[in-house]
Each structure stands twice: as structure tokens, then as C-alpha cells.
Amino acid sequence: MEITNDLCQALQCQSQDIINAMNLVSSTKALIQELRDDGWDSLLTKVNSFCEARNIDILDMNARYVARRDKFYPQDFEDHEKIGLRRQLQHFESDVVRLPEFKNLSRISDLSQWMVMTRRSTTYPLVYRVVVLVLTLPVSTATAERSFSAMRIVKTRLRNKMEDEFLTDSLIMYIEREIA
């Protein structure tokens, strides 16, 4: 997590500097590879001893992955909150959905702003939390997707061996193609 933190922070900035983002992708990739090559066993040993000391279940890395459905952020909601969310959604539907001002909302960002202005964010805090989580999902992935999408277009199999500086220049030209 520490290795990828700077990259994640850079990709979530509103003003995106593609050159620095691409450099962070390269350095993050190199640091992760270094961790895999030299530090993975010691890190795993430290994590396991930390978990054992605090009676935390240790994940079996060799276990088969089972996909779960209909859960965006299960760790963000306790079991009692999930039950409360169902109840709040019933109240929200009964109280809010019938209002003409609610029917005029066209985007989820408008819904979140309206909930704050009408103080329904405090009346229905779990519903508001879901709205906020849904709002942050595209923001956290869109910038990274745009960067990698541009890189996939620019860096083809024919140009696979290009130097970083040439790749950066090509990406800038592609992203700013209207100005260029």
C-alpha cells in the first residue's frame, strides 16, 4: 500500500500531469518488482506475525477466489448498518421519491447536493454514504483509465521498445492532439 500510495494520490488529482503520472507508474512498477524479488518473504512474515499477535484471521493466498455479488464496499458497512440501510431506503422512498424537487434531479451529484441542502444527509446517513461511494467510484478509476488508454494507443507492439522520454512526448502529443 505504501508503494502505490503516491501513484494513487496522483491519479486522483483534478489537474492531471500525465508526464508525472507515467513516471510514477514506472517507478511504482519497479518498486513492486523489487519487493517481489527481495522483500516479499520478509513482508509476509511480518504481516503474519502481526495478525497472529492480534488474533486476526490470516488470508490463505492459495485459496480459490470466490466472487461475491451485489456488494460495492462491504467493509464500509457493518451488519447492523446493512439492515439499517434497507430500512432507511424504505423511508427514503416513502419520504423523498414522491417530492417534485426530487423528480427534477437528473444526476447523482445533484442528488448528493440536494440531500445536503435539505439536511436529508443527516436524516438518511446510510443512504447518503451509498450515494457518496457511488460518486467516488468513477473519479478514482477514470483518470487512471484515461492514462492507460492513451498509453495503449500510443505504445503499440511496433513501438514497444521506445524510451521513456519519447513515450512521454508521444503521450503528450496524443492527449493534446487538438492543440497540436
N, C-alpha and C. Protein backbone atom coordinates (compact mmCIF):
# COMPACT_ATOMS: atom_id res chain seq x y z
N MET A 1 0.83 -1.19 0.00
CA MET A 1 0.00 0.00 0.00
C MET A 1 0.87 1.25 0.00
N GLU A 2 1.94 1.20 0.77
CA GLU A 2 2.81 2.36 0.84
C GLU A 2 3.45 2.65 -0.51
N ILE A 3 3.79 1.60 -1.24
CA ILE A 3 4.45 1.76 -2.54
C ILE A 3 3.50 2.41 -3.54
N THR A 4 2.24 2.03 -3.52
CA THR A 4 1.29 2.54 -4.51
C THR A 4 0.60 3.83 -4.10
N ASN A 5 0.81 4.28 -2.87
CA ASN A 5 0.09 5.45 -2.37
C ASN A 5 0.32 6.70 -3.21
N ASP A 6 1.58 7.02 -3.52
CA ASP A 6 1.86 8.23 -4.30
C ASP A 6 1.20 8.18 -5.67
N LEU A 7 1.23 7.01 -6.31
CA LEU A 7 0.59 6.87 -7.61
C LEU A 7 -0.92 7.07 -7.49
N CYS A 8 -1.53 6.46 -6.50
CA CYS A 8 -2.98 6.61 -6.30
C CYS A 8 -3.35 8.07 -6.05
N GLN A 9 -2.57 8.75 -5.23
CA GLN A 9 -2.84 10.16 -4.95
C GLN A 9 -2.72 11.00 -6.22
N ALA A 10 -1.71 10.73 -7.02
CA ALA A 10 -1.50 11.50 -8.25
C ALA A 10 -2.63 11.26 -9.25
N LEU A 11 -3.11 10.03 -9.33
CA LEU A 11 -4.16 9.71 -10.28
C LEU A 11 -5.51 10.28 -9.86
N GLN A 12 -5.66 10.63 -8.60
CA GLN A 12 -6.92 11.19 -8.13
C GLN A 12 -6.95 12.71 -8.15
N CYS A 13 -5.85 13.35 -8.51
CA CYS A 13 -5.81 14.80 -8.58
C CYS A 13 -6.71 15.29 -9.71
N GLN A 14 -7.33 16.45 -9.51
CA GLN A 14 -8.18 17.00 -10.55
C GLN A 14 -7.36 17.48 -11.74
N SER A 15 -6.26 18.14 -11.48
CA SER A 15 -5.39 18.56 -12.57
C SER A 15 -4.34 17.47 -12.77
N GLN A 16 -4.44 16.78 -13.87
CA GLN A 16 -3.60 15.60 -14.09
C GLN A 16 -2.37 15.98 -14.90
N ASP A 17 -1.24 15.65 -14.40
CA ASP A 17 0.02 15.84 -15.10
C ASP A 17 0.42 14.47 -15.63
N ILE A 18 0.16 14.22 -16.90
CA ILE A 18 0.35 12.89 -17.48
C ILE A 18 1.80 12.45 -17.44
N ILE A 19 2.72 13.39 -17.58
CA ILE A 19 4.15 13.02 -17.56
C ILE A 19 4.53 12.47 -16.20
N ASN A 20 4.17 13.20 -15.15
CA ASN A 20 4.50 12.72 -13.81
C ASN A 20 3.74 11.45 -13.47
N ALA A 21 2.50 11.35 -13.94
CA ALA A 21 1.73 10.13 -13.68
C ALA A 21 2.39 8.93 -14.34
N MET A 22 2.85 9.09 -15.56
CA MET A 22 3.51 7.98 -16.25
C MET A 22 4.83 7.63 -15.56
N ASN A 23 5.54 8.65 -15.08
CA ASN A 23 6.78 8.37 -14.35
C ASN A 23 6.49 7.63 -13.04
N LEU A 24 5.40 8.02 -12.37
CA LEU A 24 5.01 7.32 -11.14
C LEU A 24 4.59 5.89 -11.43
N VAL A 25 3.94 5.64 -12.56
CA VAL A 25 3.59 4.27 -12.94
C VAL A 25 4.86 3.45 -13.09
N SER A 26 5.86 4.02 -13.77
CA SER A 26 7.12 3.30 -13.98
C SER A 26 7.84 3.03 -12.66
N SER A 27 7.94 4.05 -11.80
CA SER A 27 8.65 3.85 -10.54
C SER A 27 7.89 2.92 -9.61
N THR A 28 6.56 3.00 -9.61
CA THR A 28 5.76 2.10 -8.78
C THR A 28 5.94 0.66 -9.25
N LYS A 29 5.93 0.48 -10.54
CA LYS A 29 6.12 -0.86 -11.11
C LYS A 29 7.50 -1.42 -10.70
N ALA A 30 8.51 -0.57 -10.76
CA ALA A 30 9.86 -1.02 -10.40
C ALA A 30 9.95 -1.36 -8.91
N LEU A 31 9.33 -0.53 -8.06
CA LEU A 31 9.37 -0.79 -6.62
C LEU A 31 8.60 -2.06 -6.25
N ILE A 32 7.49 -2.30 -6.91
CA ILE A 32 6.73 -3.53 -6.65
C ILE A 32 7.53 -4.74 -7.09
N GLN A 33 8.20 -4.64 -8.23
CA GLN A 33 9.03 -5.74 -8.69
C GLN A 33 10.18 -5.99 -7.72
N GLU A 34 10.76 -4.91 -7.20
CA GLU A 34 11.84 -5.04 -6.21
C GLU A 34 11.32 -5.74 -4.95
N LEU A 35 10.12 -5.38 -4.52
CA LEU A 35 9.51 -6.03 -3.37
C LEU A 35 9.30 -7.52 -3.65
N ARG A 36 8.82 -7.83 -4.84
CA ARG A 36 8.62 -9.24 -5.20
C ARG A 36 9.92 -10.01 -5.19
N ASP A 37 10.97 -9.38 -5.72
CA ASP A 37 12.25 -10.07 -5.84
C ASP A 37 12.97 -10.23 -4.51
N ASP A 38 12.95 -9.18 -3.67
CA ASP A 38 13.80 -9.19 -2.49
C ASP A 38 13.07 -9.16 -1.15
N GLY A 39 11.90 -8.56 -1.08
CA GLY A 39 11.32 -8.33 0.22
C GLY A 39 10.01 -9.02 0.53
N TRP A 40 9.50 -9.80 -0.39
CA TRP A 40 8.17 -10.39 -0.21
C TRP A 40 8.10 -11.34 0.98
N ASP A 41 9.06 -12.23 1.10
CA ASP A 41 9.03 -13.21 2.19
C ASP A 41 9.10 -12.54 3.55
N SER A 42 9.98 -11.54 3.71
CA SER A 42 10.08 -10.87 5.00
C SER A 42 8.83 -10.06 5.30
N LEU A 43 8.24 -9.44 4.27
CA LEU A 43 6.99 -8.70 4.47
C LEU A 43 5.87 -9.64 4.89
N LEU A 44 5.75 -10.76 4.23
CA LEU A 44 4.71 -11.73 4.55
C LEU A 44 4.89 -12.29 5.96
N THR A 45 6.12 -12.52 6.36
CA THR A 45 6.40 -12.99 7.72
C THR A 45 5.97 -11.95 8.75
N LYS A 46 6.29 -10.67 8.51
CA LYS A 46 5.90 -9.59 9.42
C LYS A 46 4.37 -9.47 9.51
N VAL A 47 3.71 -9.55 8.37
CA VAL A 47 2.24 -9.44 8.36
C VAL A 47 1.62 -10.60 9.12
N ASN A 48 2.11 -11.80 8.89
CA ASN A 48 1.58 -12.97 9.59
C ASN A 48 1.79 -12.88 11.10
N SER A 49 2.98 -12.44 11.53
CA SER A 49 3.21 -12.33 12.97
C SER A 49 2.34 -11.23 13.58
N PHE A 50 2.14 -10.14 12.86
CA PHE A 50 1.25 -9.07 13.32
C PHE A 50 -0.17 -9.60 13.51
N CYS A 51 -0.65 -10.34 12.51
CA CYS A 51 -2.01 -10.90 12.57
C CYS A 51 -2.15 -11.92 13.69
N GLU A 52 -1.16 -12.77 13.85
CA GLU A 52 -1.21 -13.78 14.91
C GLU A 52 -1.22 -13.14 16.29
N ALA A 53 -0.43 -12.08 16.48
CA ALA A 53 -0.36 -11.40 17.78
C ALA A 53 -1.69 -10.74 18.14
N ARG A 54 -2.48 -10.39 17.14
CA ARG A 54 -3.73 -9.68 17.39
C ARG A 54 -4.96 -10.53 17.08
N ASN A 55 -4.76 -11.83 16.93
CA ASN A 55 -5.84 -12.78 16.63
C ASN A 55 -6.66 -12.37 15.41
N ILE A 56 -5.97 -11.96 14.37
CA ILE A 56 -6.60 -11.60 13.10
C ILE A 56 -6.46 -12.78 12.16
N ASP A 57 -7.57 -13.14 11.49
CA ASP A 57 -7.52 -14.25 10.54
C ASP A 57 -6.53 -13.93 9.44
N ILE A 58 -5.73 -14.93 9.07
CA ILE A 58 -4.74 -14.76 8.02
C ILE A 58 -5.31 -15.33 6.73
N LEU A 59 -5.25 -14.53 5.69
CA LEU A 59 -5.76 -14.90 4.39
C LEU A 59 -4.93 -16.03 3.79
N ASP A 60 -5.59 -17.05 3.30
CA ASP A 60 -4.90 -18.14 2.61
C ASP A 60 -4.71 -17.73 1.15
N MET A 61 -3.46 -17.37 0.80
CA MET A 61 -3.17 -16.87 -0.55
C MET A 61 -3.36 -17.93 -1.63
N ASN A 62 -3.38 -19.19 -1.23
CA ASN A 62 -3.56 -20.26 -2.21
C ASN A 62 -5.01 -20.70 -2.35
N ALA A 63 -5.90 -20.09 -1.57
CA ALA A 63 -7.31 -20.46 -1.63
C ALA A 63 -7.92 -19.98 -2.94
N ARG A 64 -8.95 -20.64 -3.34
CA ARG A 64 -9.63 -20.29 -4.59
C ARG A 64 -10.47 -19.03 -4.38
N TYR A 65 -10.45 -18.15 -5.37
CA TYR A 65 -11.20 -16.90 -5.29
C TYR A 65 -12.67 -17.17 -5.56
N VAL A 66 -13.52 -16.62 -4.70
CA VAL A 66 -14.96 -16.74 -4.87
C VAL A 66 -15.51 -15.34 -5.04
N ALA A 67 -16.10 -15.07 -6.19
CA ALA A 67 -16.66 -13.75 -6.45
C ALA A 67 -17.95 -13.56 -5.67
N ARG A 68 -18.06 -12.41 -5.05
CA ARG A 68 -19.28 -12.06 -4.32
C ARG A 68 -20.07 -11.09 -5.18
N ARG A 69 -21.38 -11.13 -5.10
CA ARG A 69 -22.20 -10.26 -5.93
C ARG A 69 -22.94 -9.25 -5.08
N ASP A 70 -23.29 -8.14 -5.72
CA ASP A 70 -24.13 -7.09 -5.11
C ASP A 70 -23.53 -6.47 -3.86
N LYS A 71 -22.23 -6.33 -3.80
CA LYS A 71 -21.60 -5.65 -2.66
C LYS A 71 -20.53 -4.72 -3.21
N PHE A 72 -20.74 -3.42 -3.08
CA PHE A 72 -19.73 -2.47 -3.55
C PHE A 72 -18.60 -2.35 -2.55
N TYR A 73 -18.93 -2.00 -1.33
CA TYR A 73 -17.93 -1.79 -0.30
C TYR A 73 -18.42 -2.47 0.99
N PRO A 74 -18.37 -3.78 1.05
CA PRO A 74 -18.91 -4.45 2.24
C PRO A 74 -18.18 -4.06 3.52
N GLN A 75 -16.91 -3.70 3.43
CA GLN A 75 -16.17 -3.32 4.64
C GLN A 75 -16.62 -1.96 5.16
N ASP A 76 -17.33 -1.19 4.33
CA ASP A 76 -17.80 0.12 4.77
C ASP A 76 -19.10 0.05 5.57
N PHE A 77 -19.72 -1.11 5.61
CA PHE A 77 -20.99 -1.25 6.31
C PHE A 77 -20.93 -2.45 7.24
N GLU A 78 -21.25 -2.21 8.50
CA GLU A 78 -21.38 -3.30 9.47
C GLU A 78 -22.69 -4.03 9.18
N ASP A 79 -22.85 -5.22 9.74
CA ASP A 79 -24.07 -6.00 9.51
C ASP A 79 -25.31 -5.23 9.93
N HIS A 80 -25.25 -4.59 11.10
CA HIS A 80 -26.43 -3.85 11.57
C HIS A 80 -26.71 -2.64 10.67
N GLU A 81 -25.67 -2.07 10.04
CA GLU A 81 -25.87 -0.95 9.13
C GLU A 81 -26.53 -1.40 7.83
N LYS A 82 -26.22 -2.61 7.40
CA LYS A 82 -26.86 -3.13 6.19
C LYS A 82 -28.36 -3.29 6.41
N ILE A 83 -28.71 -3.75 7.59
CA ILE A 83 -30.13 -3.87 7.93
C ILE A 83 -30.74 -2.47 8.03
N GLY A 84 -30.03 -1.56 8.67
CA GLY A 84 -30.49 -0.18 8.79
C GLY A 84 -30.61 0.50 7.43
N LEU A 85 -29.73 0.16 6.51
CA LEU A 85 -29.77 0.74 5.17
C LEU A 85 -31.07 0.35 4.47
N ARG A 86 -31.47 -0.90 4.60
CA ARG A 86 -32.73 -1.33 3.99
C ARG A 86 -33.90 -0.52 4.55
N ARG A 87 -33.89 -0.33 5.85
CA ARG A 87 -34.95 0.43 6.50
C ARG A 87 -34.91 1.89 6.04
N GLN A 88 -33.72 2.48 6.00
CA GLN A 88 -33.60 3.87 5.56
C GLN A 88 -34.03 4.03 4.10
N LEU A 89 -33.72 3.05 3.26
CA LEU A 89 -34.15 3.13 1.87
C LEU A 89 -35.67 3.09 1.76
N GLN A 90 -36.32 2.31 2.61
CA GLN A 90 -37.79 2.28 2.61
C GLN A 90 -38.34 3.65 3.00
N HIS A 91 -37.78 4.23 4.06
CA HIS A 91 -38.22 5.57 4.49
C HIS A 91 -37.90 6.61 3.41
N PHE A 92 -36.72 6.51 2.82
CA PHE A 92 -36.29 7.44 1.78
C PHE A 92 -37.26 7.39 0.61
N GLU A 93 -37.63 6.18 0.22
CA GLU A 93 -38.57 6.03 -0.89
C GLU A 93 -39.92 6.62 -0.55
N SER A 94 -40.38 6.38 0.65
CA SER A 94 -41.67 6.90 1.07
C SER A 94 -41.65 8.42 1.25
N ASP A 95 -40.57 8.95 1.79
CA ASP A 95 -40.47 10.37 2.11
C ASP A 95 -40.02 11.23 0.93
N VAL A 96 -39.02 10.78 0.20
CA VAL A 96 -38.32 11.64 -0.74
C VAL A 96 -38.74 11.44 -2.19
N VAL A 97 -38.89 10.23 -2.61
CA VAL A 97 -39.10 9.93 -4.03
C VAL A 97 -40.36 10.59 -4.57
N ARG A 98 -41.33 10.80 -3.74
CA ARG A 98 -42.59 11.40 -4.18
C ARG A 98 -42.51 12.92 -4.38
N LEU A 99 -41.46 13.56 -3.85
CA LEU A 99 -41.33 15.01 -3.92
C LEU A 99 -41.04 15.49 -5.34
N PRO A 100 -41.69 16.59 -5.77
CA PRO A 100 -41.43 17.11 -7.12
C PRO A 100 -39.98 17.57 -7.30
N GLU A 101 -39.39 18.15 -6.26
CA GLU A 101 -38.00 18.61 -6.38
C GLU A 101 -37.03 17.44 -6.55
N PHE A 102 -37.36 16.28 -5.98
CA PHE A 102 -36.54 15.09 -6.17
C PHE A 102 -36.64 14.61 -7.62
N LYS A 103 -37.83 14.69 -8.18
CA LYS A 103 -38.05 14.21 -9.55
C LYS A 103 -37.31 15.07 -10.57
N ASN A 104 -36.95 16.29 -10.19
CA ASN A 104 -36.21 17.17 -11.10
C ASN A 104 -34.71 16.91 -11.10
N LEU A 105 -34.23 16.09 -10.17
CA LEU A 105 -32.80 15.78 -10.11
C LEU A 105 -32.45 14.83 -11.24
N SER A 106 -31.39 15.15 -11.98
CA SER A 106 -31.04 14.31 -13.12
C SER A 106 -29.73 13.54 -12.94
N ARG A 107 -28.89 13.99 -12.02
CA ARG A 107 -27.61 13.31 -11.82
C ARG A 107 -27.45 12.95 -10.36
N ILE A 108 -26.60 11.97 -10.12
CA ILE A 108 -26.37 11.54 -8.73
C ILE A 108 -25.65 12.61 -7.94
N SER A 109 -24.82 13.42 -8.61
CA SER A 109 -24.18 14.53 -7.90
C SER A 109 -25.21 15.56 -7.46
N ASP A 110 -26.25 15.77 -8.28
CA ASP A 110 -27.34 16.67 -7.88
C ASP A 110 -28.06 16.10 -6.66
N LEU A 111 -28.24 14.78 -6.65
CA LEU A 111 -28.89 14.13 -5.50
C LEU A 111 -28.09 14.35 -4.23
N SER A 112 -26.78 14.18 -4.30
CA SER A 112 -25.96 14.35 -3.09
C SER A 112 -26.02 15.80 -2.60
N GLN A 113 -25.94 16.76 -3.50
CA GLN A 113 -26.02 18.17 -3.11
C GLN A 113 -27.39 18.49 -2.52
N TRP A 114 -28.45 17.96 -3.13
CA TRP A 114 -29.80 18.18 -2.65
C TRP A 114 -29.99 17.57 -1.27
N MET A 115 -29.42 16.39 -1.05
CA MET A 115 -29.53 15.76 0.27
C MET A 115 -28.85 16.60 1.34
N VAL A 116 -27.73 17.22 1.02
CA VAL A 116 -27.04 18.07 1.99
C VAL A 116 -27.85 19.34 2.24
N MET A 117 -28.33 19.97 1.16
CA MET A 117 -29.08 21.23 1.32
C MET A 117 -30.37 21.03 2.12
N THR A 118 -31.03 19.91 1.93
CA THR A 118 -32.30 19.65 2.63
C THR A 118 -32.09 18.92 3.95
N ARG A 119 -30.83 18.70 4.31
CA ARG A 119 -30.44 18.01 5.55
C ARG A 119 -30.92 16.56 5.59
N ARG A 120 -31.23 16.01 4.44
CA ARG A 120 -31.61 14.61 4.39
C ARG A 120 -30.37 13.71 4.49
N SER A 121 -29.21 14.30 4.31
CA SER A 121 -27.97 13.52 4.50
C SER A 121 -27.79 13.15 5.96
N THR A 122 -28.32 13.95 6.88
CA THR A 122 -28.26 13.60 8.29
C THR A 122 -29.45 12.73 8.70
N THR A 123 -30.57 12.89 7.99
CA THR A 123 -31.74 12.05 8.28
C THR A 123 -31.53 10.63 7.77
N TYR A 124 -30.90 10.52 6.61
CA TYR A 124 -30.63 9.22 5.99
C TYR A 124 -29.12 9.06 5.78
N PRO A 125 -28.33 8.93 6.84
CA PRO A 125 -26.87 8.90 6.68
C PRO A 125 -26.36 7.70 5.91
N LEU A 126 -27.01 6.56 6.03
CA LEU A 126 -26.54 5.37 5.29
C LEU A 126 -26.84 5.49 3.80
N VAL A 127 -27.99 6.04 3.46
CA VAL A 127 -28.32 6.28 2.05
C VAL A 127 -27.33 7.28 1.48
N TYR A 128 -27.02 8.32 2.25
CA TYR A 128 -26.07 9.32 1.79
C TYR A 128 -24.68 8.71 1.60
N ARG A 129 -24.29 7.80 2.47
CA ARG A 129 -22.99 7.14 2.35
C ARG A 129 -22.92 6.34 1.05
N VAL A 130 -24.01 5.66 0.70
CA VAL A 130 -24.04 4.91 -0.57
C VAL A 130 -23.91 5.87 -1.75
N VAL A 131 -24.61 7.00 -1.70
CA VAL A 131 -24.54 7.99 -2.77
C VAL A 131 -23.10 8.49 -2.93
N VAL A 132 -22.44 8.80 -1.81
CA VAL A 132 -21.06 9.28 -1.86
C VAL A 132 -20.13 8.20 -2.41
N LEU A 133 -20.32 6.96 -2.00
CA LEU A 133 -19.48 5.87 -2.51
C LEU A 133 -19.66 5.70 -4.01
N VAL A 134 -20.89 5.81 -4.47
CA VAL A 134 -21.14 5.68 -5.91
C VAL A 134 -20.51 6.85 -6.66
N LEU A 135 -20.53 8.02 -6.06
CA LEU A 135 -19.91 9.19 -6.70
C LEU A 135 -18.39 9.07 -6.79
N THR A 136 -17.76 8.48 -5.80
CA THR A 136 -16.30 8.39 -5.81
C THR A 136 -15.77 7.28 -6.70
N LEU A 137 -16.58 6.31 -7.01
CA LEU A 137 -16.12 5.19 -7.83
C LEU A 137 -15.59 5.62 -9.19
N PRO A 138 -16.34 6.40 -9.98
CA PRO A 138 -15.78 6.79 -11.28
C PRO A 138 -14.60 7.72 -11.17
N VAL A 139 -14.55 8.57 -10.16
CA VAL A 139 -13.43 9.51 -10.01
C VAL A 139 -12.14 8.76 -9.76
N SER A 140 -12.20 7.73 -8.94
CA SER A 140 -10.97 7.03 -8.58
C SER A 140 -10.43 6.17 -9.71
N THR A 141 -11.27 5.80 -10.67
CA THR A 141 -10.80 4.94 -11.75
C THR A 141 -10.69 5.66 -13.10
N ALA A 142 -11.43 6.74 -13.30
CA ALA A 142 -11.48 7.37 -14.62
C ALA A 142 -10.14 7.94 -15.05
N THR A 143 -9.45 8.63 -14.17
CA THR A 143 -8.17 9.23 -14.53
C THR A 143 -7.14 8.18 -14.87
N ALA A 144 -7.09 7.12 -14.09
CA ALA A 144 -6.15 6.04 -14.37
C ALA A 144 -6.49 5.38 -15.69
N GLU A 145 -7.77 5.16 -15.94
CA GLU A 145 -8.18 4.54 -17.19
C GLU A 145 -7.82 5.40 -18.39
N ARG A 146 -8.00 6.73 -18.26
CA ARG A 146 -7.64 7.62 -19.36
C ARG A 146 -6.15 7.55 -19.66
N SER A 147 -5.34 7.54 -18.61
CA SER A 147 -3.89 7.49 -18.80
C SER A 147 -3.47 6.20 -19.47
N PHE A 148 -3.99 5.08 -18.98
CA PHE A 148 -3.60 3.80 -19.56
C PHE A 148 -4.20 3.63 -20.96
N SER A 149 -5.37 4.19 -21.19
CA SER A 149 -5.97 4.12 -22.51
C SER A 149 -5.11 4.86 -23.52
N ALA A 150 -4.66 6.06 -23.15
CA ALA A 150 -3.79 6.82 -24.03
C ALA A 150 -2.48 6.08 -24.25
N MET A 151 -1.95 5.45 -23.22
CA MET A 151 -0.69 4.72 -23.36
C MET A 151 -0.87 3.51 -24.28
N ARG A 152 -2.02 2.82 -24.20
CA ARG A 152 -2.26 1.68 -25.08
C ARG A 152 -2.32 2.09 -26.53
N ILE A 153 -2.87 3.28 -26.78
CA ILE A 153 -2.96 3.76 -28.16
C ILE A 153 -1.58 4.15 -28.67
N VAL A 154 -0.81 4.84 -27.86
CA VAL A 154 0.49 5.34 -28.29
C VAL A 154 1.53 4.23 -28.33
N LYS A 155 1.54 3.39 -27.32
CA LYS A 155 2.58 2.36 -27.22
C LYS A 155 2.03 1.05 -27.78
N THR A 156 2.23 0.84 -29.06
CA THR A 156 1.77 -0.37 -29.72
C THR A 156 2.90 -1.39 -29.75
N ARG A 157 2.62 -2.53 -30.33
CA ARG A 157 3.67 -3.56 -30.45
C ARG A 157 4.85 -3.06 -31.27
N LEU A 158 4.57 -2.26 -32.29
CA LEU A 158 5.64 -1.73 -33.13
C LEU A 158 6.51 -0.73 -32.37
N ARG A 159 5.90 -0.06 -31.39
CA ARG A 159 6.64 0.94 -30.62
C ARG A 159 6.92 0.46 -29.20
N ASN A 160 7.02 -0.81 -29.00
CA ASN A 160 7.14 -1.37 -27.66
C ASN A 160 8.46 -1.07 -26.99
N LYS A 161 9.50 -0.82 -27.74
CA LYS A 161 10.84 -0.61 -27.16
C LYS A 161 11.20 0.85 -27.03
N MET A 162 10.24 1.75 -27.11
CA MET A 162 10.57 3.18 -27.07
C MET A 162 11.06 3.60 -25.69
N GLU A 163 11.91 4.59 -25.67
CA GLU A 163 12.43 5.15 -24.43
C GLU A 163 11.34 5.92 -23.71
N ASP A 164 11.53 6.12 -22.40
CA ASP A 164 10.53 6.81 -21.59
C ASP A 164 10.27 8.23 -22.07
N GLU A 165 11.34 8.92 -22.43
CA GLU A 165 11.19 10.32 -22.85
C GLU A 165 10.37 10.41 -24.14
N PHE A 166 10.63 9.52 -25.09
CA PHE A 166 9.87 9.52 -26.33
C PHE A 166 8.42 9.11 -26.08
N LEU A 167 8.21 8.15 -25.19
CA LEU A 167 6.85 7.75 -24.82
C LEU A 167 6.09 8.92 -24.20
N THR A 168 6.75 9.64 -23.30
CA THR A 168 6.13 10.79 -22.66
C THR A 168 5.76 11.85 -23.69
N ASP A 169 6.69 12.15 -24.60
CA ASP A 169 6.41 13.14 -25.65
C ASP A 169 5.26 12.69 -26.54
N SER A 170 5.23 11.42 -26.88
CA SER A 170 4.15 10.88 -27.72
C SER A 170 2.81 10.95 -27.01
N LEU A 171 2.81 10.65 -25.71
CA LEU A 171 1.56 10.72 -24.94
C LEU A 171 1.04 12.15 -24.87
N ILE A 172 1.95 13.10 -24.66
CA ILE A 172 1.52 14.50 -24.61
C ILE A 172 0.92 14.91 -25.95
N MET A 173 1.57 14.52 -27.02
CA MET A 173 1.05 14.85 -28.36
C MET A 173 -0.32 14.22 -28.59
N TYR A 174 -0.49 12.99 -28.14
CA TYR A 174 -1.78 12.32 -28.32
C TYR A 174 -2.86 12.99 -27.46
N ILE A 175 -2.56 13.23 -26.21
CA ILE A 175 -3.57 13.80 -25.30
C ILE A 175 -3.92 15.22 -25.69
N GLU A 176 -2.93 15.99 -26.12
CA GLU A 176 -3.16 17.37 -26.52
C GLU A 176 -3.22 17.49 -28.04
N ARG A 177 -3.78 16.50 -28.72
CA ARG A 177 -3.78 16.47 -30.18
C ARG A 177 -4.58 17.63 -30.79
N GLU A 178 -5.61 18.10 -30.11
CA GLU A 178 -6.39 19.22 -30.64
C GLU A 178 -5.55 20.48 -30.67
N ILE A 179 -4.74 20.69 -29.64
CA ILE A 179 -3.87 21.87 -29.60
C ILE A 179 -2.73 21.70 -30.59
N ALA A 180 -2.17 20.49 -30.66
CA ALA A 180 -1.03 20.23 -31.54
C ALA A 180 -1.46 20.35 -32.99
